[in-house]
């Protein structure tokens, strides 16, 4: 099966171009990146933009790490990365061009049944939001399979912040129940199928021309992460992303429904009409069941 639909950050490609032959790459949201560009955020920590630098800040305010001159390594993106250059499979999206910033973007869904076969594939489900430059993405992510954050043959959750070549995330939270029986891959963990998840991205404060946001699963402790001094986030999506897929059986066996999709604004809401991008060749689809800014519903068909 080929690599799939549209992705996001042209700046991410710059990092790969600069990599030495011996550089280690790891799987993150948006594809494989240099391990040196990946940073775990401690509980209660945040990511702060200070000029051209990015600071990783601990819960007590201590600056734990500084990535200097990030902007010099990035190229502006006029639009999302073209099809076939990322792991985005099918998604809906809406771009806010109004003068009313998005203040909250929330989505509710349940943990799907695990795929019927497992060979190390990775499936990501999430709502996300980006700026109009498409060089940043903020997302609460449900994950099946491995990534640089961890994971395996079970569902887990984390929040992710991608800025050009850089990746930030707090520790992965396992969303699982009891140990299951022996299968083809041996003893495995059964996820809490049907557990309710609420992915929430919120505007905290606007300071001049910059914005601060939080991202979390509001009902999963340990997933809250804050970003300070970023540009306004305007492009909202609901997305299926996947890697190392060999056949349709590597996806969950049933539909995934995202509901209570709500976009709140700091002033009167503009008209919201979601667009859809599908993987027609592999018959992976997103269907909008209820459009608009409030109480939206969509279904992903694997």
Protein backbone atom coordinates (compact mmCIF):
# COMPACT_ATOMS: atom_id res chain seq x y z
CA UNK A 1 0.00 0.00 0.00
CA UNK A 2 1.36 3.40 -0.97
CA UNK A 3 1.97 6.34 1.34
CA UNK A 4 -1.15 8.37 1.71
CA UNK A 5 -2.81 11.75 1.62
CA UNK A 6 -2.02 15.26 2.45
CA UNK A 7 0.10 16.32 5.38
CA UNK A 8 1.29 19.53 6.80
CA UNK A 9 4.62 21.11 7.27
CA UNK A 10 6.98 21.97 4.44
CA UNK A 11 9.44 23.08 7.10
CA UNK A 12 9.70 19.47 8.26
CA UNK A 13 11.33 18.52 4.97
CA UNK A 14 14.16 20.95 5.64
CA UNK A 15 15.26 18.95 8.67
CA UNK A 16 15.60 15.78 6.60
CA UNK A 17 17.61 17.60 3.97
CA UNK A 18 20.10 18.75 6.60
CA UNK A 19 20.48 15.35 8.24
CA UNK A 20 23.81 13.56 8.16
CA UNK A 21 23.85 10.00 6.76
CA UNK A 22 24.27 8.63 10.30
CA UNK A 23 21.36 10.61 11.76
CA UNK A 24 18.72 8.55 13.55
CA UNK A 25 15.12 9.04 12.48
CA UNK A 26 12.09 8.18 14.59
CA UNK A 27 8.37 8.06 13.87
CA UNK A 28 6.35 11.03 15.08
CA UNK A 29 3.18 12.72 13.98
CA UNK A 30 3.82 13.94 10.43
CA UNK A 31 6.34 11.21 9.62
CA UNK A 32 9.93 10.32 10.43
CA UNK A 33 12.18 13.03 11.95
CA UNK A 34 15.62 13.34 13.46
CA UNK A 35 15.67 12.07 17.04
CA UNK A 36 17.63 15.19 18.01
CA UNK A 37 14.61 17.31 17.03
CA UNK A 38 12.24 15.38 19.32
CA UNK A 39 11.68 16.59 22.90
CA UNK A 40 9.59 15.13 25.73
CA UNK A 41 7.82 17.78 27.78
CA UNK A 42 7.76 17.06 31.54
CA UNK A 43 4.44 17.01 33.37
CA UNK A 44 3.26 20.56 33.88
CA UNK A 45 5.83 21.92 31.43
CA UNK A 46 5.33 24.11 28.39
CA UNK A 47 6.91 25.20 25.13
CA UNK A 48 7.60 28.92 24.74
CA UNK A 49 8.71 30.89 21.70
CA UNK A 50 11.24 33.61 22.54
CA UNK A 51 12.32 35.50 19.44
CA UNK A 52 13.68 32.95 16.96
CA UNK A 53 14.36 30.44 19.75
CA UNK A 54 12.14 27.76 21.27
CA UNK A 55 12.35 27.15 25.04
CA UNK A 56 11.30 23.95 26.78
CA UNK A 57 10.18 25.09 30.24
CA UNK A 58 9.63 22.92 33.31
CA UNK A 59 6.64 23.12 35.65
CA UNK A 60 8.64 25.32 38.04
CA UNK A 61 9.55 27.80 35.28
CA UNK A 62 13.10 26.52 34.78
CA UNK A 63 14.27 26.61 31.15
CA UNK A 64 15.30 23.01 30.50
CA UNK A 65 16.40 23.32 26.89
CA UNK A 66 16.75 25.99 24.21
CA UNK A 67 16.60 25.33 20.47
CA UNK A 68 18.20 28.41 18.86
CA UNK A 69 17.53 30.06 15.51
CA UNK A 70 14.68 27.75 14.53
CA UNK A 71 13.23 30.18 12.01
CA UNK A 72 16.46 30.20 9.99
CA UNK A 73 16.03 26.47 9.31
CA UNK A 74 12.42 26.79 8.19
CA UNK A 75 10.87 27.65 4.87
CA UNK A 76 7.43 29.25 4.77
CA UNK A 77 4.66 27.03 3.42
CA UNK A 78 1.93 28.51 1.27
CA UNK A 79 -0.27 25.44 1.69
CA UNK A 80 -0.23 21.94 3.20
CA UNK A 81 2.24 19.41 1.79
CA UNK A 82 0.92 17.92 -1.50
CA UNK A 83 -0.77 14.48 -1.59
CA UNK A 84 1.41 11.36 -1.29
CA UNK A 85 4.05 13.14 0.84
CA UNK A 86 2.78 12.27 4.31
CA UNK A 87 0.84 9.74 6.32
CA UNK A 88 -2.45 11.65 6.30
CA UNK A 89 -5.02 9.23 4.90
CA UNK A 90 -8.39 10.95 5.07
CA UNK A 91 -9.43 14.15 6.81
CA UNK A 92 -11.86 17.03 7.02
CA UNK A 93 -10.67 20.61 7.30
CA UNK A 94 -11.81 24.21 7.60
CA UNK A 95 -9.76 27.41 7.36
CA UNK A 96 -10.79 30.39 9.47
CA UNK A 97 -10.32 33.56 7.41
CA UNK A 98 -12.58 35.66 9.63
CA UNK A 99 -11.37 38.28 12.16
CA UNK A 100 -12.72 36.08 15.00
CA UNK A 101 -9.96 33.78 16.37
CA UNK A 102 -10.87 30.23 17.34
CA UNK A 103 -11.02 30.09 21.14
CA UNK A 104 -11.83 26.38 21.58
CA UNK A 105 -11.82 23.37 19.26
CA UNK A 106 -13.22 20.18 20.79
CA UNK A 107 -14.06 16.73 19.49
CA UNK A 108 -15.51 13.66 21.20
CA UNK A 109 -14.99 10.07 20.07
CA UNK A 110 -14.49 6.60 21.51
CA UNK A 111 -11.56 4.21 21.50
CA UNK A 112 -12.07 1.88 18.51
CA UNK A 113 -11.62 -1.87 18.53
CA UNK A 114 -7.97 -2.72 17.77
CA UNK A 115 -7.01 -3.88 14.27
CA UNK A 116 -7.45 -7.59 13.63
CA UNK A 117 -3.79 -7.97 12.69
CA UNK A 118 -0.70 -6.27 14.10
CA UNK A 119 2.75 -6.14 12.52
CA UNK A 120 4.07 -2.88 13.94
CA UNK A 121 1.79 -0.50 12.05
CA UNK A 122 0.84 2.84 13.58
CA UNK A 123 -2.59 4.48 13.42
CA UNK A 124 -3.22 8.04 14.65
CA UNK A 125 -6.67 9.64 15.14
CA UNK A 126 -6.97 13.29 16.13
CA UNK A 127 -8.42 16.75 15.82
CA UNK A 128 -5.76 19.36 15.10
CA UNK A 129 -5.25 23.03 14.38
CA UNK A 130 -2.57 24.93 12.45
CA UNK A 131 -1.77 28.50 11.45
CA UNK A 132 -2.31 29.77 7.91
CA UNK A 133 1.45 29.34 7.34
CA UNK A 134 1.04 25.56 7.93
CA UNK A 135 4.39 25.35 9.74
CA UNK A 136 2.89 24.42 13.13
CA UNK A 137 0.40 21.83 14.30
CA UNK A 138 -1.20 21.28 17.71
CA UNK A 139 -3.09 18.03 18.30
CA UNK A 140 -4.45 15.62 20.94
CA UNK A 141 -3.76 12.18 19.44
CA UNK A 142 -5.08 8.66 19.97
CA UNK A 143 -2.39 6.21 18.86
CA UNK A 144 -2.35 2.48 18.08
CA UNK A 145 1.09 0.97 17.58
CA UNK A 146 4.54 2.48 18.14
CA UNK A 147 5.94 5.99 17.81
CA UNK A 148 8.90 7.80 19.31
CA UNK A 149 6.69 8.49 22.35
CA UNK A 150 6.25 4.75 22.98
CA UNK A 151 3.23 2.56 22.35
CA UNK A 152 2.63 -0.90 20.95
CA UNK A 153 -0.23 -3.33 20.39
CA UNK A 154 -2.70 -1.18 22.29
CA UNK A 155 -4.28 2.28 22.21
CA UNK A 156 -2.56 5.18 23.93
CA UNK A 157 -2.96 8.95 24.05
CA UNK A 158 -0.71 11.99 24.03
CA UNK A 159 -0.72 15.61 22.93
CA UNK A 160 1.73 16.80 20.30
CA UNK A 161 3.15 20.14 19.20
CA UNK A 162 5.08 20.25 15.92
CA UNK A 163 6.95 23.38 14.90
CA UNK A 164 8.90 23.06 11.68
CA UNK A 165 11.38 20.22 12.28
CA UNK A 166 10.77 20.21 16.06
CA UNK A 167 8.48 17.84 17.95
CA UNK A 168 7.26 18.21 21.54
CA UNK A 169 5.02 15.86 23.54
CA UNK A 170 4.35 14.93 27.19
CA UNK A 171 4.63 11.27 28.28
CA UNK A 172 2.32 8.87 26.45
CA UNK A 173 -0.69 7.69 28.48
CA UNK A 174 -1.74 4.10 27.90
CA UNK A 175 -5.47 3.70 27.29
CA UNK A 176 -5.81 0.03 28.07
CA UNK A 177 -7.57 -2.48 30.25
CA UNK A 178 -6.49 -5.97 31.25
CA UNK A 179 -4.04 -8.41 29.73
CA UNK A 180 -5.61 -10.50 27.02
CA UNK A 181 -4.99 -14.03 25.88
CA UNK A 182 -2.31 -15.39 23.60
CA UNK A 183 -2.62 -14.47 19.94
CA UNK A 184 -0.34 -14.56 16.95
CA UNK A 185 1.87 -11.97 18.60
CA UNK A 186 1.72 -13.50 22.07
CA UNK A 187 0.32 -11.88 25.19
CA UNK A 188 -1.23 -8.55 24.33
CA UNK A 189 -3.15 -5.78 26.03
CA UNK A 190 -6.80 -5.11 25.30
CA UNK A 191 -7.77 -1.46 25.00
CA UNK A 192 -10.77 0.02 26.74
CA UNK A 193 -12.91 -0.23 23.62
CA UNK A 194 -15.60 2.41 23.74
CA UNK A 195 -13.84 4.63 26.29
CA UNK A 196 -14.87 8.23 25.73
CA UNK A 197 -12.22 10.74 24.68
CA UNK A 198 -12.52 14.52 24.43
CA UNK A 199 -9.76 16.25 22.49
CA UNK A 200 -9.61 19.95 23.35
CA UNK A 201 -7.46 22.81 22.02
CA UNK A 202 -7.97 26.17 23.75
CA UNK A 203 -6.78 29.73 23.30
CA UNK A 204 -5.41 30.93 26.66
CA UNK A 205 -4.38 34.50 25.92
CA UNK A 206 -3.54 36.85 23.06
CA UNK A 207 -0.55 39.14 23.63
CA UNK A 208 -0.01 41.63 20.83
CA UNK A 209 0.32 39.60 17.65
CA UNK A 210 1.05 36.28 19.39
CA UNK A 211 -1.19 33.67 20.99
CA UNK A 212 -0.87 31.05 23.73
CA UNK A 213 -2.76 27.75 23.59
CA UNK A 214 -3.28 24.57 25.57
CA UNK A 215 -3.96 21.10 24.19
CA UNK A 216 -5.28 18.11 26.13
CA UNK A 217 -7.67 15.23 26.42
CA UNK A 218 -9.90 16.89 28.97
CA UNK A 219 -10.78 13.53 30.56
CA UNK A 220 -7.27 11.99 30.59
CA UNK A 221 -4.89 13.32 33.27
CA UNK A 222 -1.32 13.96 32.20
CA UNK A 223 -2.08 15.06 28.64
CA UNK A 224 -2.19 18.84 29.18
CA UNK A 225 0.50 20.84 27.36
CA UNK A 226 0.83 24.60 26.81
CA UNK A 227 2.42 26.59 23.95
CA UNK A 228 3.27 30.28 24.39
CA UNK A 229 3.80 33.05 21.83
CA UNK A 230 2.78 31.32 18.61
CA UNK A 231 0.90 32.71 15.63
CA UNK A 232 -2.89 32.46 15.43
CA UNK A 233 -4.13 28.92 14.72
CA UNK A 234 -6.70 28.95 11.93
CA UNK A 235 -6.81 25.62 10.03
CA UNK A 236 -8.86 22.99 11.90
CA UNK A 237 -8.85 19.32 10.89
CA UNK A 238 -10.20 15.91 11.91
CA UNK A 239 -7.70 13.33 10.69
CA UNK A 240 -6.74 9.69 10.23
CA UNK A 241 -2.96 9.33 9.84
CA UNK A 242 -1.14 6.00 9.52
CA UNK A 243 2.22 4.38 8.77
CA UNK A 244 3.46 0.90 7.80
CA UNK A 245 0.01 -0.18 6.64
CA UNK A 246 0.12 -3.33 4.49
CA UNK A 247 -3.61 -4.02 4.07
CA UNK A 248 -7.02 -2.77 5.18
CA UNK A 249 -7.01 -5.35 7.99
CA UNK A 250 -4.29 -3.25 9.67
CA UNK A 251 -6.92 -0.60 10.46
CA UNK A 252 -9.64 -0.84 13.14
CA UNK A 253 -12.40 -3.23 12.02
CA UNK A 254 -15.31 -0.80 12.44
CA UNK A 255 -16.24 2.80 11.70
CA UNK A 256 -14.96 5.69 13.82
CA UNK A 257 -17.45 8.45 14.60
CA UNK A 258 -16.28 11.87 15.74
CA UNK A 259 -19.11 13.89 17.26
CA UNK A 260 -19.72 16.99 19.35
CA UNK A 261 -17.26 18.74 17.03
CA UNK A 262 -17.38 22.32 18.28
CA UNK A 263 -15.55 25.46 17.20
CA UNK A 264 -15.91 28.41 19.56
CA UNK A 265 -14.76 31.92 18.67
CA UNK A 266 -13.72 35.03 20.58
CA UNK A 267 -16.44 37.03 18.79
CA UNK A 268 -19.45 36.14 16.61
CA UNK A 269 -18.88 32.85 14.81
CA UNK A 270 -18.34 32.78 11.05
CA UNK A 271 -20.07 30.25 8.83
CA UNK A 272 -18.23 26.92 9.00
CA UNK A 273 -18.39 24.38 6.17
CA UNK A 274 -16.00 21.44 6.41
CA UNK A 275 -14.16 20.14 3.35
CA UNK A 276 -13.15 16.50 2.87
CA UNK A 277 -10.02 14.84 1.45
CA UNK A 278 -10.22 11.06 0.97
CA UNK A 279 -7.96 8.21 -0.14
CA UNK A 280 -10.08 7.13 -3.09
CA UNK A 281 -7.62 4.47 -4.29
CA UNK A 282 -7.73 2.56 -1.00
CA UNK A 283 -11.39 3.30 -0.28
CA UNK A 284 -10.75 5.12 3.00
CA UNK A 285 -13.33 7.83 3.50
CA UNK A 286 -14.53 10.55 5.82
CA UNK A 287 -18.23 11.38 5.65
CA UNK A 288 -19.62 14.59 7.14
CA UNK A 289 -22.88 13.64 8.85
CA UNK A 290 -23.56 17.06 10.36
CA UNK A 291 -21.77 20.18 9.11
CA UNK A 292 -21.16 23.50 10.84
CA UNK A 293 -19.35 24.98 13.83
CA UNK A 294 -21.43 23.35 16.56
CA UNK A 295 -22.33 19.73 17.36
CA UNK A 296 -20.71 18.48 14.17
CA UNK A 297 -20.55 14.77 13.37
CA UNK A 298 -18.34 12.82 10.95
CA UNK A 299 -17.59 9.16 10.25
CA UNK A 300 -14.30 7.59 9.15
CA UNK A 301 -14.71 4.41 7.12
CA UNK A 302 -11.67 2.11 7.07
